[in-house]
PDB file of N, CA and C in Angstrom:
ATOM      1  N   MET A   1       0.835  -1.175   0.000  1.00  0.00           N
ATOM      2  CA  MET A   1       0.000   0.000   0.000  1.00  0.00           C
ATOM      3  C   MET A   1       0.884   1.245   0.000  1.00  0.00           C
ATOM      4  N   GLU A   2       0.489   2.211  -0.771  1.00  0.00           N
ATOM      5  CA  GLU A   2       1.261   3.425  -0.930  1.00  0.00           C
ATOM      6  C   GLU A   2       0.877   4.453   0.137  1.00  0.00           C
ATOM      7  N   ASN A   3       1.880   4.985   0.812  1.00  0.00           N
ATOM      8  CA  ASN A   3       1.634   6.020   1.813  1.00  0.00           C
ATOM      9  C   ASN A   3       1.671   7.384   1.140  1.00  0.00           C
ATOM     10  N   LYS A   4       0.581   8.093   1.232  1.00  0.00           N
ATOM     11  CA  LYS A   4       0.516   9.428   0.660  1.00  0.00           C
ATOM     12  C   LYS A   4       0.701  10.439   1.780  1.00  0.00           C
ATOM     13  N   LYS A   5       1.495  11.446   1.481  1.00  0.00           N
ATOM     14  CA  LYS A   5       1.718  12.512   2.445  1.00  0.00           C
ATOM     15  C   LYS A   5       1.085  13.786   1.925  1.00  0.00           C
ATOM     16  N   GLU A   6       0.456  14.494   2.807  1.00  0.00           N
ATOM     17  CA  GLU A   6      -0.165  15.751   2.441  1.00  0.00           C
ATOM     18  C   GLU A   6       0.627  16.887   3.096  1.00  0.00           C
ATOM     19  N   PHE A   7       0.965  17.864   2.296  1.00  0.00           N
ATOM     20  CA  PHE A   7       1.706  19.009   2.794  1.00  0.00           C
ATOM     21  C   PHE A   7       0.774  20.203   2.878  1.00  0.00           C
ATOM     22  N   ILE A   8       0.865  20.910   3.962  1.00  0.00           N
ATOM     23  CA  ILE A   8       0.071  22.121   4.134  1.00  0.00           C
ATOM     24  C   ILE A   8       1.013  23.302   4.009  1.00  0.00           C
ATOM     25  N   LEU A   9       0.664  24.205   3.134  1.00  0.00           N
ATOM     26  CA  LEU A   9       1.497  25.367   2.875  1.00  0.00           C
ATOM     27  C   LEU A   9       0.774  26.603   3.369  1.00  0.00           C
ATOM     28  N   LYS A  10       1.450  27.398   4.166  1.00  0.00           N
ATOM     29  CA  LYS A  10       0.845  28.640   4.609  1.00  0.00           C
ATOM     30  C   LYS A  10       1.848  29.769   4.511  1.00  0.00           C
ATOM     31  N   GLU A  11       1.311  30.958   4.401  1.00  0.00           N
ATOM     32  CA  GLU A  11       2.158  32.128   4.262  1.00  0.00           C
ATOM     33  C   GLU A  11       2.926  32.368   5.555  1.00  0.00           C
ATOM     34  N   ILE A  12       4.151  32.812   5.408  1.00  0.00           N
ATOM     35  CA  ILE A  12       4.989  33.115   6.549  1.00  0.00           C
ATOM     36  C   ILE A  12       4.951  34.619   6.761  1.00  0.00           C
ATOM     37  N   SER A  13       4.679  35.027   7.996  1.00  0.00           N
ATOM     38  CA  SER A  13       4.676  36.461   8.254  1.00  0.00           C
ATOM     39  C   SER A  13       6.109  36.974   8.215  1.00  0.00           C
ATOM     40  N   SER A  14       6.257  38.131   7.636  1.00  0.00           N
ATOM     41  CA  SER A  14       7.586  38.692   7.462  1.00  0.00           C
ATOM     42  C   SER A  14       7.485  40.206   7.441  1.00  0.00           C
ATOM     43  N   SER A  15       8.577  40.859   7.779  1.00  0.00           N
ATOM     44  CA  SER A  15       8.576  42.320   7.738  1.00  0.00           C
ATOM     45  C   SER A  15       8.663  42.820   6.294  1.00  0.00           C
ATOM     46  N   VAL A  16       9.059  41.953   5.375  1.00  0.00           N
ATOM     47  CA  VAL A  16       9.105  42.325   3.962  1.00  0.00           C
ATOM     48  C   VAL A  16       8.046  41.540   3.202  1.00  0.00           C
ATOM     49  N   MET A  17       7.354  42.218   2.339  1.00  0.00           N
ATOM     50  CA  MET A  17       6.426  41.562   1.425  1.00  0.00           C
ATOM     51  C   MET A  17       6.788  42.056   0.039  1.00  0.00           C
ATOM     52  N   PRO A  18       7.703  41.356  -0.617  1.00  0.00           N
ATOM     53  CA  PRO A  18       8.230  41.856  -1.881  1.00  0.00           C
ATOM     54  C   PRO A  18       7.221  41.888  -3.016  1.00  0.00           C
ATOM     55  N   VAL A  19       6.328  40.921  -3.053  1.00  0.00           N
ATOM     56  CA  VAL A  19       5.381  40.814  -4.155  1.00  0.00           C
ATOM     57  C   VAL A  19       3.988  41.150  -3.650  1.00  0.00           C
ATOM     58  N   VAL A  20       3.362  42.126  -4.289  1.00  0.00           N
ATOM     59  CA  VAL A  20       2.015  42.540  -3.905  1.00  0.00           C
ATOM     60  C   VAL A  20       1.103  42.333  -5.104  1.00  0.00           C
ATOM     61  N   TYR A  21       0.017  41.608  -4.884  1.00  0.00           N
ATOM     62  CA  TYR A  21      -0.942  41.308  -5.952  1.00  0.00           C
ATOM     63  C   TYR A  21      -2.164  42.198  -5.851  1.00  0.00           C
ATOM     64  N   ASP A  22      -2.707  42.535  -7.003  1.00  0.00           N
ATOM     65  CA  ASP A  22      -4.000  43.198  -7.078  1.00  0.00           C
ATOM     66  C   ASP A  22      -5.011  42.100  -7.411  1.00  0.00           C
ATOM     67  N   PRO A  23      -5.792  41.660  -6.430  1.00  0.00           N
ATOM     68  CA  PRO A  23      -6.715  40.535  -6.671  1.00  0.00           C
ATOM     69  C   PRO A  23      -7.774  40.815  -7.721  1.00  0.00           C
ATOM     70  N   GLU A  24      -8.050  42.086  -7.986  1.00  0.00           N
ATOM     71  CA  GLU A  24      -9.019  42.444  -9.016  1.00  0.00           C
ATOM     72  C   GLU A  24      -8.473  42.182 -10.419  1.00  0.00           C
ATOM     73  N   LYS A  25      -7.153  42.285 -10.582  1.00  0.00           N
ATOM     74  CA  LYS A  25      -6.539  42.116 -11.897  1.00  0.00           C
ATOM     75  C   LYS A  25      -5.988  40.708 -12.130  1.00  0.00           C
ATOM     76  N   CYS A  26      -5.676  39.981 -11.072  1.00  0.00           N
ATOM     77  CA  CYS A  26      -5.070  38.652 -11.202  1.00  0.00           C
ATOM     78  C   CYS A  26      -6.082  37.661 -11.789  1.00  0.00           C
ATOM     79  N   VAL A  27      -5.675  36.957 -12.843  1.00  0.00           N
ATOM     80  CA  VAL A  27      -6.545  35.971 -13.490  1.00  0.00           C
ATOM     81  C   VAL A  27      -6.102  34.542 -13.185  1.00  0.00           C
ATOM     82  N   HIS A  28      -5.183  34.378 -12.251  1.00  0.00           N
ATOM     83  CA  HIS A  28      -4.725  33.072 -11.772  1.00  0.00           C
ATOM     84  C   HIS A  28      -4.091  32.227 -12.872  1.00  0.00           C
ATOM     85  N   CYS A  29      -3.346  32.872 -13.754  1.00  0.00           N
ATOM     86  CA  CYS A  29      -2.688  32.149 -14.845  1.00  0.00           C
ATOM     87  C   CYS A  29      -1.382  31.489 -14.378  1.00  0.00           C
ATOM     88  N   ASN A  30      -0.857  31.946 -13.258  1.00  0.00           N
ATOM     89  CA  ASN A  30       0.372  31.418 -12.650  1.00  0.00           C
ATOM     90  C   ASN A  30       1.618  31.583 -13.511  1.00  0.00           C
ATOM     91  N   SER A  31       1.601  32.518 -14.433  1.00  0.00           N
ATOM     92  CA  SER A  31       2.818  32.769 -15.207  1.00  0.00           C
ATOM     93  C   SER A  31       3.909  33.345 -14.311  1.00  0.00           C
ATOM     94  N   CYS A  32       3.522  34.079 -13.287  1.00  0.00           N
ATOM     95  CA  CYS A  32       4.501  34.617 -12.332  1.00  0.00           C
ATOM     96  C   CYS A  32       5.165  33.491 -11.541  1.00  0.00           C
ATOM     97  N   VAL A  33       4.382  32.481 -11.194  1.00  0.00           N
ATOM     98  CA  VAL A  33       4.909  31.329 -10.456  1.00  0.00           C
ATOM     99  C   VAL A  33       5.916  30.572 -11.310  1.00  0.00           C
ATOM    100  N   ASN A  34       5.587  30.395 -12.566  1.00  0.00           N
ATOM    101  CA  ASN A  34       6.446  29.617 -13.466  1.00  0.00           C
ATOM    102  C   ASN A  34       7.774  30.296 -13.770  1.00  0.00           C
ATOM    103  N   VAL A  35       7.819  31.626 -13.693  1.00  0.00           N
ATOM    104  CA  VAL A  35       9.021  32.345 -14.078  1.00  0.00           C
ATOM    105  C   VAL A  35       9.897  32.729 -12.876  1.00  0.00           C
ATOM    106  N   CYS A  36       9.388  32.611 -11.672  1.00  0.00           N
ATOM    107  CA  CYS A  36      10.139  33.025 -10.478  1.00  0.00           C
ATOM    108  C   CYS A  36      11.442  32.237 -10.372  1.00  0.00           C
ATOM    109  N   GLN A  37      12.552  32.960 -10.322  1.00  0.00           N
ATOM    110  CA  GLN A  37      13.870  32.331 -10.319  1.00  0.00           C
ATOM    111  C   GLN A  37      14.242  31.722  -8.972  1.00  0.00           C
ATOM    112  N   VAL A  38      13.625  32.178  -7.905  1.00  0.00           N
ATOM    113  CA  VAL A  38      13.954  31.647  -6.584  1.00  0.00           C
ATOM    114  C   VAL A  38      12.806  30.849  -5.970  1.00  0.00           C
ATOM    115  N   ASP A  39      11.779  30.586  -6.740  1.00  0.00           N
ATOM    116  CA  ASP A  39      10.650  29.741  -6.326  1.00  0.00           C
ATOM    117  C   ASP A  39      10.018  30.163  -5.009  1.00  0.00           C
ATOM    118  N   ILE A  40       9.718  31.449  -4.876  1.00  0.00           N
ATOM    119  CA  ILE A  40       9.045  31.893  -3.657  1.00  0.00           C
ATOM    120  C   ILE A  40       7.535  31.968  -3.826  1.00  0.00           C
ATOM    121  N   LEU A  41       7.048  31.737  -5.040  1.00  0.00           N
ATOM    122  CA  LEU A  41       5.616  31.815  -5.313  1.00  0.00           C
ATOM    123  C   LEU A  41       5.031  30.417  -5.486  1.00  0.00           C
ATOM    124  N   TYR A  42       3.878  30.196  -4.850  1.00  0.00           N
ATOM    125  CA  TYR A  42       3.194  28.912  -4.951  1.00  0.00           C
ATOM    126  C   TYR A  42       1.788  29.157  -5.491  1.00  0.00           C
ATOM    127  N   PRO A  43       1.376  28.409  -6.512  1.00  0.00           N
ATOM    128  CA  PRO A  43       0.081  28.689  -7.150  1.00  0.00           C
ATOM    129  C   PRO A  43      -1.118  28.277  -6.303  1.00  0.00           C
ATOM    130  N   ARG A  44      -2.201  29.010  -6.502  1.00  0.00           N
ATOM    131  CA  ARG A  44      -3.512  28.633  -5.961  1.00  0.00           C
ATOM    132  C   ARG A  44      -4.492  28.729  -7.108  1.00  0.00           C
ATOM    133  N   LYS A  45      -5.447  27.830  -7.170  1.00  0.00           N
ATOM    134  CA  LYS A  45      -6.350  27.775  -8.320  1.00  0.00           C
ATOM    135  C   LYS A  45      -7.256  28.989  -8.438  1.00  0.00           C
ATOM    136  N   ASP A  46      -7.900  29.381  -7.375  1.00  0.00           N
ATOM    137  CA  ASP A  46      -8.888  30.448  -7.453  1.00  0.00           C
ATOM    138  C   ASP A  46      -8.505  31.677  -6.638  1.00  0.00           C
ATOM    139  N   ASP A  47      -7.235  31.895  -6.472  1.00  0.00           N
ATOM    140  CA  ASP A  47      -6.776  33.047  -5.702  1.00  0.00           C
ATOM    141  C   ASP A  47      -5.377  33.426  -6.166  1.00  0.00           C
ATOM    142  N   THR A  48      -4.881  34.539  -5.684  1.00  0.00           N
ATOM    143  CA  THR A  48      -3.532  34.959  -6.044  1.00  0.00           C
ATOM    144  C   THR A  48      -2.525  33.988  -5.439  1.00  0.00           C
ATOM    145  N   PRO A  49      -1.372  33.811  -6.068  1.00  0.00           N
ATOM    146  CA  PRO A  49      -0.364  32.894  -5.530  1.00  0.00           C
ATOM    147  C   PRO A  49       0.090  33.288  -4.122  1.00  0.00           C
ATOM    148  N   ILE A  50       0.535  32.293  -3.390  1.00  0.00           N
ATOM    149  CA  ILE A  50       1.067  32.520  -2.044  1.00  0.00           C
ATOM    150  C   ILE A  50       2.535  32.893  -2.180  1.00  0.00           C
ATOM    151  N   VAL A  51       2.950  33.901  -1.423  1.00  0.00           N
ATOM    152  CA  VAL A  51       4.356  34.280  -1.378  1.00  0.00           C
ATOM    153  C   VAL A  51       4.988  33.511  -0.219  1.00  0.00           C
ATOM    154  N   VAL A  52       5.759  32.487  -0.576  1.00  0.00           N
ATOM    155  CA  VAL A  52       6.407  31.643   0.425  1.00  0.00           C
ATOM    156  C   VAL A  52       7.850  32.124   0.575  1.00  0.00           C
ATOM    157  N   TYR A  53       8.324  32.238   1.781  1.00  0.00           N
ATOM    158  CA  TYR A  53       9.690  32.708   2.056  1.00  0.00           C
ATOM    159  C   TYR A  53       9.972  34.051   1.398  1.00  0.00           C
ATOM    160  N   PRO A  54       9.242  35.089   1.760  1.00  0.00           N
ATOM    161  CA  PRO A  54       9.414  36.395   1.110  1.00  0.00           C
ATOM    162  C   PRO A  54      10.817  36.968   1.261  1.00  0.00           C
ATOM    163  N   GLY A  55      11.520  36.595   2.297  1.00  0.00           N
ATOM    164  CA  GLY A  55      12.873  37.096   2.495  1.00  0.00           C
ATOM    165  C   GLY A  55      13.867  36.586   1.477  1.00  0.00           C
ATOM    166  N   GLU A  56      13.499  35.558   0.724  1.00  0.00           N
ATOM    167  CA  GLU A  56      14.387  34.996  -0.291  1.00  0.00           C
ATOM    168  C   GLU A  56      14.324  35.749  -1.621  1.00  0.00           C
ATOM    169  N   CYS A  57      13.330  36.605  -1.795  1.00  0.00           N
ATOM    170  CA  CYS A  57      13.178  37.348  -3.044  1.00  0.00           C
ATOM    171  C   CYS A  57      14.347  38.304  -3.225  1.00  0.00           C
ATOM    172  N   TYR A  58      14.913  38.321  -4.427  1.00  0.00           N
ATOM    173  CA  TYR A  58      15.969  39.299  -4.685  1.00  0.00           C
ATOM    174  C   TYR A  58      15.546  40.339  -5.709  1.00  0.00           C
ATOM    175  N   TYR A  59      14.246  40.552  -5.829  1.00  0.00           N
ATOM    176  CA  TYR A  59      13.669  41.682  -6.551  1.00  0.00           C
ATOM    177  C   TYR A  59      14.137  41.787  -8.002  1.00  0.00           C
ATOM    178  N   CYS A  60      14.167  40.657  -8.678  1.00  0.00           N
ATOM    179  CA  CYS A  60      14.615  40.664 -10.073  1.00  0.00           C
ATOM    180  C   CYS A  60      13.545  41.230 -11.003  1.00  0.00           C
ATOM    181  N   GLY A  61      12.274  41.134 -10.625  1.00  0.00           N
ATOM    182  CA  GLY A  61      11.193  41.677 -11.430  1.00  0.00           C
ATOM    183  C   GLY A  61      10.663  40.739 -12.502  1.00  0.00           C
ATOM    184  N   CYS A  62      11.144  39.502 -12.543  1.00  0.00           N
ATOM    185  CA  CYS A  62      10.665  38.552 -13.564  1.00  0.00           C
ATOM    186  C   CYS A  62       9.162  38.318 -13.453  1.00  0.00           C
ATOM    187  N   CYS A  63       8.649  38.223 -12.236  1.00  0.00           N
ATOM    188  CA  CYS A  63       7.217  37.984 -12.049  1.00  0.00           C
ATOM    189  C   CYS A  63       6.399  39.160 -12.569  1.00  0.00           C
ATOM    190  N   VAL A  64       6.893  40.360 -12.351  1.00  0.00           N
ATOM    191  CA  VAL A  64       6.193  41.555 -12.821  1.00  0.00           C
ATOM    192  C   VAL A  64       6.171  41.582 -14.347  1.00  0.00           C
ATOM    193  N   MET A  65       7.296  41.261 -14.956  1.00  0.00           N
ATOM    194  CA  MET A  65       7.372  41.271 -16.422  1.00  0.00           C
ATOM    195  C   MET A  65       6.546  40.155 -17.049  1.00  0.00           C
ATOM    196  N   ALA A  66       6.395  39.033 -16.347  1.00  0.00           N
ATOM    197  CA  ALA A  66       5.629  37.908 -16.895  1.00  0.00           C
ATOM    198  C   ALA A  66       4.124  38.126 -16.799  1.00  0.00           C
ATOM    199  N   CYS A  67       3.701  39.000 -15.901  1.00  0.00           N
ATOM    200  CA  CYS A  67       2.265  39.236 -15.703  1.00  0.00           C
ATOM    201  C   CYS A  67       1.734  40.145 -16.799  1.00  0.00           C
ATOM    202  N   THR A  68       0.872  39.606 -17.630  1.00  0.00           N
ATOM    203  CA  THR A  68       0.304  40.377 -18.741  1.00  0.00           C
ATOM    204  C   THR A  68      -0.908  41.207 -18.318  1.00  0.00           C
ATOM    205  N   HIS A  69      -1.329  41.077 -17.055  1.00  0.00           N
ATOM    206  CA  HIS A  69      -2.513  41.783 -16.578  1.00  0.00           C
ATOM    207  C   HIS A  69      -2.180  42.898 -15.582  1.00  0.00           C
ATOM    208  N   ASP A  70      -0.898  43.190 -15.416  1.00  0.00           N
ATOM    209  CA  ASP A  70      -0.447  44.261 -14.513  1.00  0.00           C
ATOM    210  C   ASP A  70      -0.991  44.068 -13.096  1.00  0.00           C
ATOM    211  N   ALA A  71      -0.985  42.825 -12.640  1.00  0.00           N
ATOM    212  CA  ALA A  71      -1.541  42.509 -11.323  1.00  0.00           C
ATOM    213  C   ALA A  71      -0.489  42.419 -10.227  1.00  0.00           C
ATOM    214  N   ILE A  72       0.786  42.570 -10.571  1.00  0.00           N
ATOM    215  CA  ILE A  72       1.861  42.408  -9.595  1.00  0.00           C
ATOM    216  C   ILE A  72       2.695  43.675  -9.508  1.00  0.00           C
ATOM    217  N   LYS A  73       3.020  44.022  -8.290  1.00  0.00           N
ATOM    218  CA  LYS A  73       3.951  45.119  -8.040  1.00  0.00           C
ATOM    219  C   LYS A  73       5.025  44.609  -7.090  1.00  0.00           C
ATOM    220  N   LEU A  74       6.238  45.106  -7.270  1.00  0.00           N
ATOM    221  CA  LEU A  74       7.313  44.800  -6.331  1.00  0.00           C
ATOM    222  C   LEU A  74       7.392  45.915  -5.300  1.00  0.00           C
ATOM    223  N   ARG A  75       7.484  45.536  -4.052  1.00  0.00           N
ATOM    224  CA  ARG A  75       7.645  46.501  -2.978  1.00  0.00           C
ATOM    225  C   ARG A  75       9.054  46.320  -2.420  1.00  0.00           C
ATOM    226  N   HIS A  76       9.944  47.201  -2.848  1.00  0.00           N
ATOM    227  CA  HIS A  76      11.337  47.105  -2.424  1.00  0.00           C
ATOM    228  C   HIS A  76      11.478  47.538  -0.968  1.00  0.00           C
ATOM    229  N   PRO A  77      12.442  46.947  -0.250  1.00  0.00           N
ATOM    230  CA  PRO A  77      12.694  47.374   1.128  1.00  0.00           C
ATOM    231  C   PRO A  77      13.117  48.842   1.153  1.00  0.00           C
ATOM    232  N   LEU A  78      12.929  49.478   2.272  1.00  0.00           N
ATOM    233  CA  LEU A  78      13.237  50.889   2.403  1.00  0.00           C
ATOM    234  C   LEU A  78      14.677  51.201   2.028  1.00  0.00           C
ATOM    235  N   MET A  79      15.593  50.336   2.385  1.00  0.00           N
ATOM    236  CA  MET A  79      16.999  50.564   2.063  1.00  0.00           C
ATOM    237  C   MET A  79      17.232  50.598   0.551  1.00  0.00           C
ATOM    238  N   ASN A  80      16.421  49.885  -0.213  1.00  0.00           N
ATOM    239  CA  ASN A  80      16.561  49.880  -1.667  1.00  0.00           C
ATOM    240  C   ASN A  80      15.839  51.064  -2.322  1.00  0.00           C
ATOM    241  N   GLN A  81      15.029  51.771  -1.553  1.00  0.00           N
ATOM    242  CA  GLN A  81      14.258  52.872  -2.100  1.00  0.00           C
ATOM    243  C   GLN A  81      14.974  54.218  -1.981  1.00  0.00           C
ATOM    244  N   THR A  82      16.099  54.243  -1.330  1.00  0.00           N
ATOM    245  CA  THR A  82      16.795  55.514  -1.138  1.00  0.00           C
ATOM    246  C   THR A  82      17.279  56.063  -2.466  1.00  0.00           C
ATOM    247  N   LYS A  83      17.343  57.339  -2.550  1.00  0.00           N
ATOM    248  CA  LYS A  83      17.789  57.995  -3.777  1.00  0.00           C
ATOM    249  C   LYS A  83      19.156  58.604  -3.507  1.00  0.00           C
ATOM    250  N   PHE A  84      20.081  58.280  -4.340  1.00  0.00           N
ATOM    251  CA  PHE A  84      21.420  58.824  -4.191  1.00  0.00           C
ATOM    252  C   PHE A  84      21.507  60.125  -4.977  1.00  0.00           C
ATOM    253  N   ILE A  85      22.057  61.140  -4.347  1.00  0.00           N
ATOM    254  CA  ILE A  85      22.217  62.446  -4.967  1.00  0.00           C
ATOM    255  C   ILE A  85      23.705  62.702  -5.146  1.00  0.00           C
ATOM    256  N   LEU A  86      24.087  63.057  -6.361  1.00  0.00           N
ATOM    257  CA  LEU A  86      25.473  63.360  -6.623  1.00  0.00           C
ATOM    258  C   LEU A  86      25.874  64.653  -5.945  1.00  0.00           C
ATOM    259  N   LYS A  87      27.078  64.708  -5.449  1.00  0.00           N
ATOM    260  CA  LYS A  87      27.576  65.909  -4.773  1.00  0.00           C
ATOM    261  C   LYS A  87      27.506  67.120  -5.697  1.00  0.00           C
ATOM    262  N   SER A  88      27.757  66.907  -6.980  1.00  0.00           N
ATOM    263  CA  SER A  88      27.712  68.029  -7.927  1.00  0.00           C
ATOM    264  C   SER A  88      26.300  68.590  -8.063  1.00  0.00           C
ATOM    265  N   ASP A  89      25.268  67.757  -7.878  1.00  0.00           N
ATOM    266  CA  ASP A  89      23.885  68.221  -7.949  1.00  0.00           C
ATOM    267  C   ASP A  89      23.506  69.070  -6.734  1.00  0.00           C
ATOM    268  N   VAL A  90      24.075  68.738  -5.588  1.00  0.00           N
ATOM    269  CA  VAL A  90      23.776  69.463  -4.352  1.00  0.00           C
ATOM    270  C   VAL A  90      24.407  70.851  -4.374  1.00  0.00           C
ATOM    271  N   GLU A  91      25.569  70.960  -4.965  1.00  0.00           N
ATOM    272  CA  GLU A  91      26.304  72.216  -4.985  1.00  0.00           C
ATOM    273  C   GLU A  91      25.687  73.258  -5.907  1.00  0.00           C
ATOM    274  N   LYS A  92      24.799  72.870  -6.795  1.00  0.00           N
ATOM    275  CA  LYS A  92      24.192  73.810  -7.755  1.00  0.00           C
ATOM    276  C   LYS A  92      23.168  74.696  -7.124  1.00  0.00           C
TER     277      LYS A  92
END
């Protein structure tokens, strides 16, 4: 007799949420899941994909580019959002 194992997957709470879905625009095609280079996205049939291990995302943007419905946005950490100003620009 074959032993079947069932795995339960749930979202992990994290201070970073790199991938943000617009549930109104998502059509559950899972193209973002298929293209993710670090496999942090897990598909769901009738809902937006689950972001598993959000801290592993390195913000490559492949999921955003693969989404033809503009349903995904990347939310970069605050440290990545800083704007560098050249010293020559400040002196003007």
